[in-house]
Amino acid sequence: MRKLLGAVYVLYGLLLFFAAMFLVLPFIIIGTLLPGKLSYTVPFFFLRVWSYLFSIPALFFYKVTGREKLDTRKPYIYVANHGSY
């Protein structure tokens, strides 16, 4: 039963991932065509929208510590080093 639920959750996660990506992908592509600074700030905004559209319904909760140390004018990539079950 556990494997079945795990498989259903994986399919649900894949569906959420692709649905959210296809929803914001046109805005990301159009944003890269904008002049100057907008060519990276607009796509970055829509990538943040995508992350919320995907992570919240997929029940991915995270805790941010040290936010005051981040430069909000720079983009960052966050990578989890492991998953816990």
N, C-alpha and C. Protein backbone atom coordinates (compact mmCIF):
# COMPACT_ATOMS: atom_id res chain seq x y z
N MET A 1 0.82 -1.20 0.00
CA MET A 1 0.00 0.00 0.00
C MET A 1 0.86 1.27 0.00
N ARG A 2 1.98 1.21 0.73
CA ARG A 2 2.87 2.37 0.81
C ARG A 2 3.47 2.69 -0.56
N LYS A 3 3.85 1.66 -1.32
CA LYS A 3 4.41 1.88 -2.66
C LYS A 3 3.37 2.48 -3.59
N LEU A 4 2.14 2.05 -3.46
CA LEU A 4 1.07 2.58 -4.30
C LEU A 4 0.85 4.06 -4.00
N LEU A 5 0.79 4.41 -2.73
CA LEU A 5 0.62 5.82 -2.36
C LEU A 5 1.82 6.66 -2.81
N GLY A 6 3.01 6.08 -2.71
CA GLY A 6 4.20 6.79 -3.18
C GLY A 6 4.15 7.04 -4.68
N ALA A 7 3.70 6.05 -5.43
CA ALA A 7 3.58 6.20 -6.89
C ALA A 7 2.53 7.25 -7.25
N VAL A 8 1.42 7.25 -6.53
CA VAL A 8 0.37 8.25 -6.78
C VAL A 8 0.90 9.65 -6.47
N TYR A 9 1.65 9.79 -5.40
CA TYR A 9 2.21 11.10 -5.04
C TYR A 9 3.23 11.57 -6.08
N VAL A 10 4.04 10.65 -6.60
CA VAL A 10 5.01 11.01 -7.64
C VAL A 10 4.28 11.49 -8.89
N LEU A 11 3.26 10.79 -9.30
CA LEU A 11 2.48 11.22 -10.47
C LEU A 11 1.82 12.57 -10.22
N TYR A 12 1.29 12.76 -9.03
CA TYR A 12 0.70 14.05 -8.66
C TYR A 12 1.75 15.15 -8.73
N GLY A 13 2.95 14.89 -8.21
CA GLY A 13 4.03 15.87 -8.24
C GLY A 13 4.46 16.20 -9.66
N LEU A 14 4.55 15.19 -10.51
CA LEU A 14 4.91 15.44 -11.92
C LEU A 14 3.85 16.27 -12.62
N LEU A 15 2.60 15.95 -12.37
CA LEU A 15 1.52 16.73 -12.96
C LEU A 15 1.57 18.18 -12.51
N LEU A 16 1.78 18.41 -11.22
CA LEU A 16 1.91 19.78 -10.70
C LEU A 16 3.10 20.51 -11.32
N PHE A 17 4.22 19.81 -11.40
CA PHE A 17 5.44 20.42 -11.94
C PHE A 17 5.21 20.91 -13.35
N PHE A 18 4.70 20.04 -14.21
CA PHE A 18 4.53 20.42 -15.62
C PHE A 18 3.39 21.42 -15.81
N ALA A 19 2.33 21.29 -15.05
CA ALA A 19 1.23 22.26 -15.18
C ALA A 19 1.69 23.66 -14.77
N ALA A 20 2.39 23.76 -13.67
CA ALA A 20 2.89 25.06 -13.23
C ALA A 20 3.91 25.62 -14.20
N MET A 21 4.78 24.76 -14.73
CA MET A 21 5.79 25.24 -15.67
C MET A 21 5.17 25.73 -16.97
N PHE A 22 4.22 24.97 -17.51
CA PHE A 22 3.57 25.40 -18.75
C PHE A 22 2.75 26.66 -18.55
N LEU A 23 2.28 26.89 -17.34
CA LEU A 23 1.52 28.10 -17.04
C LEU A 23 2.41 29.34 -17.07
N VAL A 24 3.60 29.26 -16.52
CA VAL A 24 4.46 30.45 -16.44
C VAL A 24 5.52 30.51 -17.53
N LEU A 25 5.75 29.43 -18.26
CA LEU A 25 6.81 29.42 -19.27
C LEU A 25 6.67 30.52 -20.33
N PRO A 26 5.48 30.79 -20.86
CA PRO A 26 5.38 31.89 -21.83
C PRO A 26 5.83 33.24 -21.27
N PHE A 27 5.51 33.49 -20.00
CA PHE A 27 5.91 34.76 -19.39
C PHE A 27 7.42 34.81 -19.18
N ILE A 28 8.03 33.68 -18.89
CA ILE A 28 9.48 33.63 -18.73
C ILE A 28 10.16 33.90 -20.07
N ILE A 29 9.68 33.26 -21.11
CA ILE A 29 10.28 33.45 -22.44
C ILE A 29 10.11 34.88 -22.92
N ILE A 30 8.91 35.42 -22.79
CA ILE A 30 8.67 36.81 -23.20
C ILE A 30 9.51 37.76 -22.35
N GLY A 31 9.65 37.47 -21.08
CA GLY A 31 10.44 38.32 -20.19
C GLY A 31 11.90 38.40 -20.60
N THR A 32 12.44 37.31 -21.14
CA THR A 32 13.85 37.34 -21.57
C THR A 32 14.05 38.23 -22.79
N LEU A 33 12.99 38.55 -23.49
CA LEU A 33 13.10 39.40 -24.68
C LEU A 33 12.99 40.88 -24.36
N LEU A 34 12.70 41.22 -23.13
CA LEU A 34 12.57 42.62 -22.73
C LEU A 34 13.94 43.28 -22.68
N PRO A 35 13.98 44.60 -22.84
CA PRO A 35 15.27 45.30 -22.86
C PRO A 35 15.85 45.50 -21.46
N GLY A 36 17.15 45.55 -21.40
CA GLY A 36 17.88 45.92 -20.18
C GLY A 36 17.67 45.01 -19.00
N LYS A 37 17.55 45.64 -17.85
CA LYS A 37 17.45 44.91 -16.58
C LYS A 37 16.18 44.06 -16.50
N LEU A 38 15.15 44.46 -17.22
CA LEU A 38 13.90 43.70 -17.21
C LEU A 38 14.08 42.30 -17.78
N SER A 39 15.10 42.10 -18.61
CA SER A 39 15.29 40.80 -19.25
C SER A 39 15.65 39.70 -18.26
N TYR A 40 16.07 40.06 -17.05
CA TYR A 40 16.30 39.02 -16.05
C TYR A 40 15.45 39.19 -14.80
N THR A 41 14.94 40.39 -14.53
CA THR A 41 14.10 40.54 -13.34
C THR A 41 12.69 39.99 -13.55
N VAL A 42 12.13 40.17 -14.74
CA VAL A 42 10.78 39.66 -15.02
C VAL A 42 10.78 38.13 -15.04
N PRO A 43 11.69 37.47 -15.77
CA PRO A 43 11.70 36.00 -15.70
C PRO A 43 11.95 35.47 -14.29
N PHE A 44 12.80 36.15 -13.53
CA PHE A 44 13.07 35.72 -12.15
C PHE A 44 11.80 35.81 -11.30
N PHE A 45 11.01 36.86 -11.50
CA PHE A 45 9.75 36.98 -10.78
C PHE A 45 8.83 35.80 -11.10
N PHE A 46 8.72 35.46 -12.39
CA PHE A 46 7.84 34.36 -12.77
C PHE A 46 8.39 33.00 -12.34
N LEU A 47 9.68 32.87 -12.21
CA LEU A 47 10.23 31.64 -11.64
C LEU A 47 9.87 31.51 -10.17
N ARG A 48 9.83 32.62 -9.47
CA ARG A 48 9.38 32.59 -8.08
C ARG A 48 7.91 32.22 -8.00
N VAL A 49 7.09 32.74 -8.91
CA VAL A 49 5.68 32.37 -8.96
C VAL A 49 5.57 30.87 -9.21
N TRP A 50 6.36 30.36 -10.15
CA TRP A 50 6.34 28.92 -10.45
C TRP A 50 6.69 28.10 -9.21
N SER A 51 7.68 28.54 -8.46
CA SER A 51 8.09 27.77 -7.29
C SER A 51 6.97 27.67 -6.26
N TYR A 52 6.20 28.76 -6.09
CA TYR A 52 5.07 28.70 -5.17
C TYR A 52 3.94 27.83 -5.73
N LEU A 53 3.68 27.96 -7.03
CA LEU A 53 2.62 27.15 -7.66
C LEU A 53 2.93 25.66 -7.56
N PHE A 54 4.20 25.31 -7.53
CA PHE A 54 4.58 23.90 -7.47
C PHE A 54 4.74 23.41 -6.03
N SER A 55 5.46 24.14 -5.22
CA SER A 55 5.84 23.61 -3.90
C SER A 55 4.69 23.56 -2.91
N ILE A 56 3.82 24.53 -2.91
CA ILE A 56 2.74 24.54 -1.91
C ILE A 56 1.74 23.41 -2.14
N PRO A 57 1.19 23.23 -3.36
CA PRO A 57 0.27 22.09 -3.54
C PRO A 57 0.96 20.73 -3.43
N ALA A 58 2.27 20.68 -3.70
CA ALA A 58 3.00 19.42 -3.59
C ALA A 58 3.38 19.12 -2.14
N LEU A 59 3.00 20.01 -1.23
CA LEU A 59 3.26 19.86 0.20
C LEU A 59 4.76 19.87 0.52
N PHE A 60 5.51 20.69 -0.22
CA PHE A 60 6.92 20.91 0.08
C PHE A 60 7.01 22.15 0.96
N PHE A 61 7.25 21.94 2.23
CA PHE A 61 7.37 23.06 3.15
C PHE A 61 8.85 23.24 3.50
N TYR A 62 9.24 24.45 3.63
CA TYR A 62 10.64 24.74 3.92
C TYR A 62 10.73 25.88 4.92
N LYS A 63 11.88 25.92 5.58
CA LYS A 63 12.14 26.94 6.58
C LYS A 63 13.38 27.70 6.13
N VAL A 64 13.30 29.01 6.12
CA VAL A 64 14.41 29.85 5.69
C VAL A 64 15.05 30.47 6.93
N THR A 65 16.35 30.26 7.06
CA THR A 65 17.11 30.91 8.13
C THR A 65 18.24 31.72 7.50
N GLY A 66 18.60 32.80 8.11
CA GLY A 66 19.69 33.63 7.60
C GLY A 66 19.29 34.52 6.44
N ARG A 67 17.99 34.79 6.32
CA ARG A 67 17.50 35.60 5.21
C ARG A 67 18.14 36.99 5.18
N GLU A 68 18.47 37.53 6.34
CA GLU A 68 19.05 38.87 6.40
C GLU A 68 20.45 38.93 5.79
N LYS A 69 21.08 37.79 5.60
CA LYS A 69 22.42 37.74 5.00
C LYS A 69 22.39 37.72 3.49
N LEU A 70 21.20 37.57 2.89
CA LEU A 70 21.09 37.47 1.43
C LEU A 70 20.98 38.84 0.80
N ASP A 71 21.62 38.99 -0.35
CA ASP A 71 21.49 40.20 -1.14
C ASP A 71 20.28 40.03 -2.05
N THR A 72 19.23 40.79 -1.81
CA THR A 72 17.98 40.62 -2.56
C THR A 72 18.09 41.05 -4.02
N ARG A 73 19.18 41.69 -4.39
CA ARG A 73 19.36 42.10 -5.78
C ARG A 73 19.99 41.01 -6.62
N LYS A 74 20.40 39.92 -6.01
CA LYS A 74 21.04 38.82 -6.73
C LYS A 74 20.17 37.58 -6.72
N PRO A 75 20.19 36.82 -7.82
CA PRO A 75 19.47 35.54 -7.81
C PRO A 75 20.32 34.46 -7.14
N TYR A 76 19.66 33.52 -6.51
CA TYR A 76 20.34 32.40 -5.86
C TYR A 76 19.70 31.10 -6.31
N ILE A 77 20.46 30.03 -6.24
CA ILE A 77 19.94 28.69 -6.49
C ILE A 77 20.08 27.92 -5.19
N TYR A 78 18.99 27.33 -4.74
CA TYR A 78 18.99 26.56 -3.50
C TYR A 78 18.89 25.09 -3.84
N VAL A 79 19.75 24.32 -3.25
CA VAL A 79 19.78 22.88 -3.52
C VAL A 79 19.72 22.15 -2.18
N ALA A 80 18.77 21.23 -2.08
CA ALA A 80 18.70 20.41 -0.88
C ALA A 80 19.75 19.31 -0.97
N ASN A 81 20.43 19.04 0.11
CA ASN A 81 21.48 18.04 0.06
C ASN A 81 20.95 16.64 0.37
N HIS A 82 19.74 16.53 0.86
CA HIS A 82 19.14 15.22 1.11
C HIS A 82 17.65 15.37 1.39
N GLY A 83 16.97 14.26 1.34
CA GLY A 83 15.55 14.25 1.69
C GLY A 83 15.33 13.35 2.88
N SER A 84 14.46 13.74 3.74
CA SER A 84 14.16 12.93 4.91
C SER A 84 12.73 12.42 4.84
N TYR A 85 12.56 11.18 5.22
CA TYR A 85 11.22 10.58 5.21
C TYR A 85 10.86 10.13 6.59
